C-alpha atoms as a PDB file:
ATOM      1  CA  UNK A   1      -9.482  -2.449  10.212  1.00  0.00           C
ATOM      2  CA  UNK A   2      -7.882   1.024  10.546  1.00  0.00           C
ATOM      3  CA  UNK A   3     -10.624   2.278  12.868  1.00  0.00           C
ATOM      4  CA  UNK A   4     -10.605  -0.900  14.989  1.00  0.00           C
ATOM      5  CA  UNK A   5      -6.790  -0.599  15.299  1.00  0.00           C
ATOM      6  CA  UNK A   6      -7.302   2.972  16.568  1.00  0.00           C
ATOM      7  CA  UNK A   7      -4.917   4.603  14.004  1.00  0.00           C
ATOM      8  CA  UNK A   8      -7.448   6.372  11.797  1.00  0.00           C
ATOM      9  CA  UNK A   9      -6.490   9.798  13.306  1.00  0.00           C
ATOM     10  CA  UNK A  10      -2.894   9.245  12.216  1.00  0.00           C
ATOM     11  CA  UNK A  11      -3.755   9.135   8.501  1.00  0.00           C
ATOM     12  CA  UNK A  12      -3.477  12.174   6.285  1.00  0.00           C
ATOM     13  CA  UNK A  13      -5.513  10.489   3.502  1.00  0.00           C
ATOM     14  CA  UNK A  14      -7.630   7.428   3.124  1.00  0.00           C
ATOM     15  CA  UNK A  15      -8.658   5.832  -0.159  1.00  0.00           C
ATOM     16  CA  UNK A  16     -10.717   2.771   0.765  1.00  0.00           C
ATOM     17  CA  UNK A  17     -13.334   0.813  -1.068  1.00  0.00           C
ATOM     18  CA  UNK A  18     -15.982   3.382  -0.464  1.00  0.00           C
ATOM     19  CA  UNK A  19     -13.884   6.192  -1.862  1.00  0.00           C
ATOM     20  CA  UNK A  20     -12.817   4.036  -4.773  1.00  0.00           C
ATOM     21  CA  UNK A  21     -16.386   3.199  -5.664  1.00  0.00           C
ATOM     22  CA  UNK A  22     -17.530   6.828  -5.443  1.00  0.00           C
ATOM     23  CA  UNK A  23     -14.657   7.908  -7.654  1.00  0.00           C
ATOM     24  CA  UNK A  24     -15.114   5.079 -10.120  1.00  0.00           C
ATOM     25  CA  UNK A  25     -11.545   3.899  -9.477  1.00  0.00           C
ATOM     26  CA  UNK A  26     -10.410   0.565 -10.770  1.00  0.00           C
ATOM     27  CA  UNK A  27      -9.500  -1.922  -8.098  1.00  0.00           C
ATOM     28  CA  UNK A  28      -6.221  -3.800  -7.619  1.00  0.00           C
ATOM     29  CA  UNK A  29      -4.093  -4.720  -9.493  1.00  0.00           C
ATOM     30  CA  UNK A  30      -4.743  -1.359 -11.187  1.00  0.00           C
ATOM     31  CA  UNK A  31      -2.777   1.449  -9.479  1.00  0.00           C
ATOM     32  CA  UNK A  32      -5.774   3.853  -9.346  1.00  0.00           C
ATOM     33  CA  UNK A  33      -6.316   3.892  -5.598  1.00  0.00           C
ATOM     34  CA  UNK A  34      -2.689   4.489  -4.848  1.00  0.00           C
ATOM     35  CA  UNK A  35      -2.486   7.261  -7.350  1.00  0.00           C
ATOM     36  CA  UNK A  36      -5.687   8.800  -5.954  1.00  0.00           C
ATOM     37  CA  UNK A  37      -4.153   8.830  -2.469  1.00  0.00           C
ATOM     38  CA  UNK A  38      -1.052  10.516  -3.759  1.00  0.00           C
ATOM     39  CA  UNK A  39      -3.169  13.201  -5.491  1.00  0.00           C
ATOM     40  CA  UNK A  40      -5.195  13.642  -2.314  1.00  0.00           C
ATOM     41  CA  UNK A  41      -2.011  14.365  -0.393  1.00  0.00           C
ATOM     42  CA  UNK A  42      -0.806  16.673  -3.093  1.00  0.00           C
ATOM     43  CA  UNK A  43       2.183  14.436  -3.556  1.00  0.00           C
ATOM     44  CA  UNK A  44       4.308  13.456  -6.440  1.00  0.00           C
ATOM     45  CA  UNK A  45       3.423   9.803  -6.626  1.00  0.00           C
ATOM     46  CA  UNK A  46       6.849   8.357  -6.308  1.00  0.00           C
ATOM     47  CA  UNK A  47       7.531   9.928  -2.902  1.00  0.00           C
ATOM     48  CA  UNK A  48       5.031   7.819  -0.909  1.00  0.00           C
ATOM     49  CA  UNK A  49       5.202   4.394   0.649  1.00  0.00           C
ATOM     50  CA  UNK A  50       2.665   1.598   0.319  1.00  0.00           C
ATOM     51  CA  UNK A  51       2.222  -1.111   2.857  1.00  0.00           C
ATOM     52  CA  UNK A  52       0.460  -4.047   1.286  1.00  0.00           C
ATOM     53  CA  UNK A  53      -0.127  -7.766   2.008  1.00  0.00           C
ATOM     54  CA  UNK A  54      -1.787  -8.885  -1.215  1.00  0.00           C
ATOM     55  CA  UNK A  55      -0.089  -9.856  -4.380  1.00  0.00           C
ATOM     56  CA  UNK A  56      -2.511  -7.723  -6.388  1.00  0.00           C
ATOM     57  CA  UNK A  57      -1.681  -4.749  -4.109  1.00  0.00           C
ATOM     58  CA  UNK A  58       2.033  -5.269  -4.633  1.00  0.00           C
ATOM     59  CA  UNK A  59       1.387  -5.305  -8.353  1.00  0.00           C
ATOM     60  CA  UNK A  60      -0.647  -2.077  -8.074  1.00  0.00           C
ATOM     61  CA  UNK A  61       2.077  -0.387  -6.040  1.00  0.00           C
ATOM     62  CA  UNK A  62       4.656  -1.230  -8.615  1.00  0.00           C
ATOM     63  CA  UNK A  63       2.402   0.035 -11.447  1.00  0.00           C
ATOM     64  CA  UNK A  64       1.960   3.315  -9.558  1.00  0.00           C
ATOM     65  CA  UNK A  65       5.781   3.654  -9.672  1.00  0.00           C
ATOM     66  CA  UNK A  66       6.025   4.451  -5.982  1.00  0.00           C
ATOM     67  CA  UNK A  67       9.737   4.612  -5.183  1.00  0.00           C
ATOM     68  CA  UNK A  68       9.718   3.248  -1.656  1.00  0.00           C
ATOM     69  CA  UNK A  69       7.319   0.788  -0.266  1.00  0.00           C
ATOM     70  CA  UNK A  70       7.028  -2.476   1.708  1.00  0.00           C
ATOM     71  CA  UNK A  71       4.816  -5.470   1.919  1.00  0.00           C
ATOM     72  CA  UNK A  72       4.004  -7.503   5.005  1.00  0.00           C
ATOM     73  CA  UNK A  73       3.876 -11.327   4.782  1.00  0.00           C
ATOM     74  CA  UNK A  74       0.333 -12.686   4.367  1.00  0.00           C
ATOM     75  CA  UNK A  75      -0.372 -16.368   4.670  1.00  0.00           C
ATOM     76  CA  UNK A  76       3.243 -17.333   4.109  1.00  0.00           C
ATOM     77  CA  UNK A  77       3.602 -15.512   0.733  1.00  0.00           C
ATOM     78  CA  UNK A  78       7.044 -13.993   1.299  1.00  0.00           C
ATOM     79  CA  UNK A  79       8.556 -15.460  -1.868  1.00  0.00           C
ATOM     80  CA  UNK A  80       5.525 -14.497  -3.946  1.00  0.00           C
ATOM     81  CA  UNK A  81       5.449 -10.959  -2.626  1.00  0.00           C
ATOM     82  CA  UNK A  82       9.099 -10.584  -3.526  1.00  0.00           C
ATOM     83  CA  UNK A  83       8.556 -12.010  -7.032  1.00  0.00           C
ATOM     84  CA  UNK A  84       5.757  -9.486  -7.521  1.00  0.00           C
ATOM     85  CA  UNK A  85       8.157  -6.697  -6.727  1.00  0.00           C
ATOM     86  CA  UNK A  86       7.974  -5.993  -3.013  1.00  0.00           C
ATOM     87  CA  UNK A  87      11.106  -4.112  -1.870  1.00  0.00           C
ATOM     88  CA  UNK A  88      10.921  -5.192   1.758  1.00  0.00           C
ATOM     89  CA  UNK A  89       9.004  -8.218   3.071  1.00  0.00           C
ATOM     90  CA  UNK A  90       8.438  -8.503   6.873  1.00  0.00           C
ATOM     91  CA  UNK A  91       6.262 -10.715   9.014  1.00  0.00           C
ATOM     92  CA  UNK A  92       5.270  -7.763  11.242  1.00  0.00           C
ATOM     93  CA  UNK A  93       5.374  -4.074  10.382  1.00  0.00           C
ATOM     94  CA  UNK A  94       7.081  -3.413  13.689  1.00  0.00           C
ATOM     95  CA  UNK A  95      10.211  -4.958  12.066  1.00  0.00           C
ATOM     96  CA  UNK A  96      10.434  -1.820   9.986  1.00  0.00           C
ATOM     97  CA  UNK A  97      11.210   0.172  13.098  1.00  0.00           C
ATOM     98  CA  UNK A  98      14.277  -2.026  13.629  1.00  0.00           C
ATOM     99  CA  UNK A  99      15.731  -1.228  10.165  1.00  0.00           C
ATOM    100  CA  UNK A 100      18.425   1.474   9.723  1.00  0.00           C
END
């Protein structure tokens, strides 16, 4: 999806299913992939944002103790994403550009 959207060159790190499998990382809702991305960036884990649309991904982001992150609405799950701990829920990520 990242390649087809034409934004792959904008990413500093990418931890996808292939990277997770090669590194024997547990899948969501375990936070392993988010923590691996933070390590790859040489970052303290709580200084990064996660954009996630799945309940298991929101759970994983929370477990990774990332301080600032958002979730986009998937299949009308706004209330569920919030209950799972999403800080910000939007229907389109472009809405984040409109926030102060």
